């Protein structure tokens, strides 16, 4: 995951924001996915927080970026669940359902 994120960020840095930084490619998105204990632990580590502190925003952002390589611009709705007894196996231990608008990159 970290390697993929590093490659994505490197690609954006090399390509830059393009000629139209004000209007990057965008799309409406909907995410509805199950999360394993292993994924939840990875997301928490990437956000430098405890698994118990994972909220909708962090989970939705991770799931959308993981699926598309794009970034969340706005979030319209979001619901999540994380099991109380979490372990690091591959079984389903959480879920994220969210929607919003994503962008190909964010100009800073």
Protein backbone atom coordinates (compact mmCIF):
# COMPACT_ATOMS: atom_id res chain seq x y z
CA UNK A 1 0.00 0.00 0.00
CA UNK A 2 2.70 2.51 0.94
CA UNK A 3 4.67 1.63 -2.19
CA UNK A 4 1.56 2.18 -4.34
CA UNK A 5 0.88 5.51 -2.65
CA UNK A 6 4.50 6.60 -3.09
CA UNK A 7 4.36 5.72 -6.80
CA UNK A 8 1.09 7.59 -7.19
CA UNK A 9 2.49 10.70 -5.51
CA UNK A 10 5.67 10.50 -7.59
CA UNK A 11 3.58 10.27 -10.76
CA UNK A 12 1.54 13.31 -9.80
CA UNK A 13 4.71 15.23 -8.93
CA UNK A 14 6.30 14.37 -12.27
CA UNK A 15 3.19 15.14 -14.30
CA UNK A 16 2.28 18.18 -12.25
CA UNK A 17 -1.16 19.68 -12.23
CA UNK A 18 -1.32 20.08 -15.97
CA UNK A 19 -2.59 23.12 -17.79
CA UNK A 20 -5.97 23.29 -16.06
CA UNK A 21 -5.35 23.19 -12.33
CA UNK A 22 -8.72 24.81 -11.65
CA UNK A 23 -10.71 22.01 -13.33
CA UNK A 24 -9.02 18.61 -12.89
CA UNK A 25 -10.83 15.48 -14.08
CA UNK A 26 -13.53 14.55 -11.58
CA UNK A 27 -16.25 11.98 -11.03
CA UNK A 28 -19.07 11.15 -8.67
CA UNK A 29 -18.33 7.98 -6.74
CA UNK A 30 -20.01 5.41 -4.53
CA UNK A 31 -18.07 2.98 -2.37
CA UNK A 32 -19.60 -0.02 -0.61
CA UNK A 33 -16.94 -2.45 0.49
CA UNK A 34 -15.98 -4.86 3.24
CA UNK A 35 -12.65 -4.38 5.01
CA UNK A 36 -10.41 -7.03 6.50
CA UNK A 37 -8.65 -6.71 9.82
CA UNK A 38 -5.38 -6.47 7.90
CA UNK A 39 -6.69 -3.55 5.82
CA UNK A 40 -8.03 -1.74 8.89
CA UNK A 41 -4.66 -2.04 10.62
CA UNK A 42 -2.91 -0.77 7.46
CA UNK A 43 -5.27 2.23 7.21
CA UNK A 44 -4.75 3.10 10.89
CA UNK A 45 -0.96 2.89 10.53
CA UNK A 46 -1.08 5.07 7.40
CA UNK A 47 -3.03 7.71 9.33
CA UNK A 48 -0.83 7.30 12.42
CA UNK A 49 -3.83 6.55 14.64
CA UNK A 50 -5.23 3.58 16.53
CA UNK A 51 -7.74 1.32 14.78
CA UNK A 52 -10.36 2.37 17.34
CA UNK A 53 -9.94 5.97 16.14
CA UNK A 54 -10.68 5.20 12.48
CA UNK A 55 -13.57 7.29 11.24
CA UNK A 56 -15.64 7.47 8.12
CA UNK A 57 -13.43 10.03 6.41
CA UNK A 58 -10.21 8.01 6.72
CA UNK A 59 -11.91 4.78 5.63
CA UNK A 60 -13.73 6.34 2.66
CA UNK A 61 -10.62 8.17 1.49
CA UNK A 62 -8.53 4.99 1.70
CA UNK A 63 -11.14 2.85 -0.08
CA UNK A 64 -11.67 5.35 -2.92
CA UNK A 65 -7.96 5.99 -3.44
CA UNK A 66 -7.22 2.27 -3.20
CA UNK A 67 -9.83 1.53 -5.86
CA UNK A 68 -9.14 4.39 -8.29
CA UNK A 69 -5.86 6.11 -7.46
CA UNK A 70 -7.80 9.40 -7.29
CA UNK A 71 -8.48 11.61 -4.25
CA UNK A 72 -11.72 12.44 -2.48
CA UNK A 73 -12.71 16.07 -3.06
CA UNK A 74 -16.05 16.01 -1.23
CA UNK A 75 -17.99 13.40 0.71
CA UNK A 76 -21.79 13.49 0.51
CA UNK A 77 -22.61 10.51 2.72
CA UNK A 78 -20.63 8.08 4.83
CA UNK A 79 -21.33 5.12 7.12
CA UNK A 80 -18.81 2.72 8.56
CA UNK A 81 -18.44 -0.19 10.94
CA UNK A 82 -15.35 -1.62 12.64
CA UNK A 83 -15.61 -4.75 14.79
CA UNK A 84 -14.79 -4.31 18.47
CA UNK A 85 -12.56 -7.39 18.54
CA UNK A 86 -10.10 -6.76 15.73
CA UNK A 87 -7.31 -9.08 14.64
CA UNK A 88 -4.91 -8.98 11.71
CA UNK A 89 -6.37 -11.81 9.64
CA UNK A 90 -7.93 -11.47 6.21
CA UNK A 91 -11.52 -11.98 7.41
CA UNK A 92 -14.12 -9.21 7.12
CA UNK A 93 -14.00 -7.04 10.22
CA UNK A 94 -15.36 -3.76 8.99
CA UNK A 95 -17.14 -1.97 6.18
CA UNK A 96 -17.36 1.42 4.50
CA UNK A 97 -20.23 2.87 2.47
CA UNK A 98 -19.75 6.38 1.15
CA UNK A 99 -20.35 8.65 -1.81
CA UNK A 100 -19.04 11.96 -3.04
CA UNK A 101 -16.87 13.54 -5.69
CA UNK A 102 -13.36 12.39 -6.52
CA UNK A 103 -10.63 14.10 -8.52
CA UNK A 104 -7.70 12.78 -10.53
CA UNK A 105 -5.34 14.95 -8.44
CA UNK A 106 -5.38 17.94 -6.19
CA UNK A 107 -3.43 21.05 -7.09
CA UNK A 108 -1.80 22.62 -4.08
